[in-house]
Amino acid sequence: YFGGTQCIFLNDENVTEKIRTPEISMKASEVSALPEVREFLLETQKDIAREFNVIMDGRDIGTVVLPQAGLKVFLTASPETRARRRCLEDKPDKPTYDQILEDIKQRDYNDMHRAVSPLQQAEDAVLIDSTTMGFHEVCEEIMDLIEQRLDVE
């Protein structure tokens, strides 16, 4: 973490911005649909959770990776809200709102309809629709759930 932001490094290079582009997001959706990739990631994520007390996010964490988790949150927002939020990010060469919206809708469709581990809400997950919520409101709601469900203070 640098300045409160999670950073991703590859061979000592900070690639955080490079992997957060719409193009990479769509490619990640395509690659993650491959059974070999899903199997490798599944085992890697389970190993991490066995070794550490973690908070994980991802489109199949609560249904496939950690189905026995003490708390599962299905965080969502309308595609339009997610596109508006992405437009507010300070990034060079940012696509238009319409392109971002189309990419979000396409990725959601792809992830919900893939053969292996499709995107879906776990039956016991708490739904939080952040469409009309701010960042701090979402954080407070999740922290309240953690305190209630996991008896953490």
Protein backbone atom coordinates (compact mmCIF):
# COMPACT_ATOMS: atom_id res chain seq x y z
CA TYR A 1 0.00 0.00 0.00
CA PHE A 2 1.22 3.45 -0.91
CA GLY A 3 -0.74 6.45 0.30
CA GLY A 4 -3.70 4.22 1.22
CA THR A 5 -3.87 2.68 -2.25
CA GLN A 6 -3.29 -1.01 -2.88
CA CYS A 7 -0.53 -1.38 -5.46
CA ILE A 8 0.34 -4.34 -7.66
CA PHE A 9 3.97 -5.00 -8.54
CA LEU A 10 5.36 -7.22 -11.27
CA ASN A 11 9.12 -7.76 -11.29
CA ASP A 12 9.57 -4.74 -9.00
CA GLU A 13 7.54 -2.48 -11.34
CA ASN A 14 4.35 -0.85 -10.08
CA VAL A 15 1.76 -1.96 -12.66
CA THR A 16 -1.32 -0.83 -10.73
CA GLU A 17 -2.47 1.71 -13.32
CA LYS A 18 -1.64 -0.54 -16.26
CA ILE A 19 -3.85 -3.40 -15.02
CA ARG A 20 -6.84 -1.18 -14.23
CA THR A 21 -7.67 -0.23 -17.83
CA PRO A 22 -10.95 -1.25 -19.48
CA GLU A 23 -9.01 -3.35 -22.01
CA ILE A 24 -7.25 -5.31 -19.28
CA SER A 25 -10.53 -5.72 -17.39
CA MET A 26 -12.15 -7.31 -20.45
CA LYS A 27 -9.12 -9.53 -21.06
CA ALA A 28 -9.13 -10.58 -17.40
CA SER A 29 -12.76 -11.63 -17.82
CA GLU A 30 -11.86 -13.67 -20.92
CA VAL A 31 -8.82 -15.33 -19.36
CA SER A 32 -10.59 -16.06 -16.09
CA ALA A 33 -13.18 -18.09 -18.00
CA LEU A 34 -10.50 -20.64 -18.94
CA PRO A 35 -10.85 -23.74 -16.72
CA GLU A 36 -7.08 -24.11 -16.30
CA VAL A 37 -6.74 -20.53 -15.11
CA ARG A 38 -9.72 -20.83 -12.75
CA GLU A 39 -8.33 -24.03 -11.23
CA PHE A 40 -4.90 -22.48 -10.62
CA LEU A 41 -6.38 -19.31 -9.12
CA LEU A 42 -8.82 -21.29 -6.99
CA GLU A 43 -6.06 -23.30 -5.35
CA THR A 44 -3.84 -20.24 -4.93
CA GLN A 45 -6.62 -18.23 -3.28
CA LYS A 46 -7.58 -21.13 -1.00
CA ASP A 47 -3.94 -21.51 0.04
CA ILE A 48 -3.77 -17.80 0.93
CA ALA A 49 -6.98 -18.05 2.99
CA ARG A 50 -5.69 -21.13 4.83
CA GLU A 51 -2.49 -19.34 5.78
CA PHE A 52 -3.82 -15.85 6.54
CA ASN A 53 -6.91 -14.16 7.94
CA VAL A 54 -8.01 -12.35 4.78
CA ILE A 55 -10.59 -10.17 3.15
CA MET A 56 -10.88 -11.18 -0.51
CA ASP A 57 -12.83 -9.63 -3.29
CA GLY A 58 -13.70 -11.16 -6.60
CA ARG A 59 -16.58 -12.37 -8.65
CA ASP A 60 -16.65 -15.95 -7.30
CA ILE A 61 -15.05 -15.66 -3.86
CA GLY A 62 -18.25 -16.31 -1.87
CA THR A 63 -19.62 -19.06 -4.10
CA VAL A 64 -16.52 -21.00 -5.14
CA VAL A 65 -13.30 -19.91 -3.47
CA LEU A 66 -14.44 -19.45 0.14
CA PRO A 67 -18.01 -20.80 0.40
CA GLN A 68 -17.56 -21.29 4.19
CA ALA A 69 -16.44 -17.70 4.85
CA GLY A 70 -17.75 -16.17 8.07
CA LEU A 71 -19.11 -13.17 6.17
CA LYS A 72 -19.87 -12.77 2.50
CA VAL A 73 -20.85 -9.46 0.95
CA PHE A 74 -22.22 -9.20 -2.57
CA LEU A 75 -21.39 -5.60 -3.43
CA THR A 76 -23.06 -4.24 -6.50
CA ALA A 77 -24.14 -1.01 -8.18
CA SER A 78 -25.94 -0.25 -11.39
CA PRO A 79 -23.78 -0.33 -14.53
CA GLU A 80 -24.54 3.36 -15.05
CA THR A 81 -23.28 4.26 -11.58
CA ARG A 82 -20.16 2.15 -12.02
CA ALA A 83 -19.48 3.85 -15.37
CA ARG A 84 -19.94 7.32 -13.82
CA ARG A 85 -17.55 6.41 -11.01
CA ARG A 86 -14.96 5.17 -13.46
CA CYS A 87 -15.30 8.42 -15.42
CA LEU A 88 -14.37 10.32 -12.26
CA GLU A 89 -11.06 8.45 -12.00
CA ASP A 90 -8.12 10.62 -12.98
CA LYS A 91 -6.60 8.57 -15.78
CA PRO A 92 -5.07 9.65 -19.06
CA ASP A 93 -6.69 8.48 -22.30
CA LYS A 94 -9.88 7.57 -20.47
CA PRO A 95 -12.61 6.13 -22.72
CA THR A 96 -15.96 7.87 -23.00
CA TYR A 97 -18.80 7.21 -20.57
CA ASP A 98 -20.67 5.27 -23.27
CA GLN A 99 -17.68 3.02 -23.98
CA ILE A 100 -17.07 2.41 -20.27
CA LEU A 101 -20.76 1.58 -19.77
CA GLU A 102 -20.75 -0.84 -22.71
CA ASP A 103 -17.58 -2.53 -21.41
CA ILE A 104 -19.08 -2.94 -17.93
CA LYS A 105 -22.29 -4.44 -19.30
CA GLN A 106 -20.33 -6.79 -21.58
CA ARG A 107 -18.04 -7.97 -18.78
CA ASP A 108 -20.99 -8.53 -16.44
CA TYR A 109 -22.78 -10.55 -19.14
CA ASN A 110 -19.65 -12.60 -19.90
CA ASP A 111 -19.01 -13.32 -16.23
CA MET A 112 -22.63 -14.26 -15.49
CA HIS A 113 -22.79 -16.62 -18.47
CA ARG A 114 -19.42 -18.36 -18.33
CA ALA A 115 -19.50 -22.13 -17.98
CA VAL A 116 -17.13 -22.31 -15.00
CA SER A 117 -17.84 -20.35 -11.80
CA PRO A 118 -20.35 -17.86 -13.19
CA LEU A 119 -20.90 -14.59 -11.34
CA GLN A 120 -23.76 -15.00 -8.89
CA GLN A 121 -24.64 -14.00 -5.35
CA ALA A 122 -24.07 -16.69 -2.72
CA GLU A 123 -27.29 -17.64 -0.94
CA ASP A 124 -25.90 -16.51 2.41
CA ALA A 125 -24.21 -13.34 1.16
CA VAL A 126 -25.39 -9.95 2.34
CA LEU A 127 -26.40 -7.80 -0.62
CA ILE A 128 -25.16 -4.22 -0.60
CA ASP A 129 -26.33 -2.15 -3.54
CA SER A 130 -24.05 0.88 -3.53
CA THR A 131 -25.80 2.65 -6.41
CA THR A 132 -26.94 5.50 -4.16
CA MET A 133 -24.19 5.19 -1.54
CA GLY A 134 -20.87 6.96 -1.16
CA PHE A 135 -17.56 5.25 -0.49
CA HIS A 136 -17.62 5.95 3.26
CA GLU A 137 -21.21 4.74 3.60
CA VAL A 138 -20.27 1.43 1.99
CA CYS A 139 -17.22 1.08 4.26
CA GLU A 140 -19.32 1.79 7.35
CA GLU A 141 -21.94 -0.75 6.35
CA ILE A 142 -19.34 -3.44 5.74
CA MET A 143 -17.53 -2.64 9.01
CA ASP A 144 -20.86 -2.89 10.88
CA LEU A 145 -21.44 -6.31 9.30
CA ILE A 146 -17.97 -7.46 10.28
CA GLU A 147 -18.51 -6.35 13.87
CA GLN A 148 -21.96 -8.00 14.06
CA ARG A 149 -21.23 -11.22 12.20
CA LEU A 150 -17.69 -11.92 13.29
CA ASP A 151 -17.91 -10.39 16.78
CA VAL A 152 -14.95 -8.11 16.10
CA GLU A 153 -14.52 -4.72 17.76
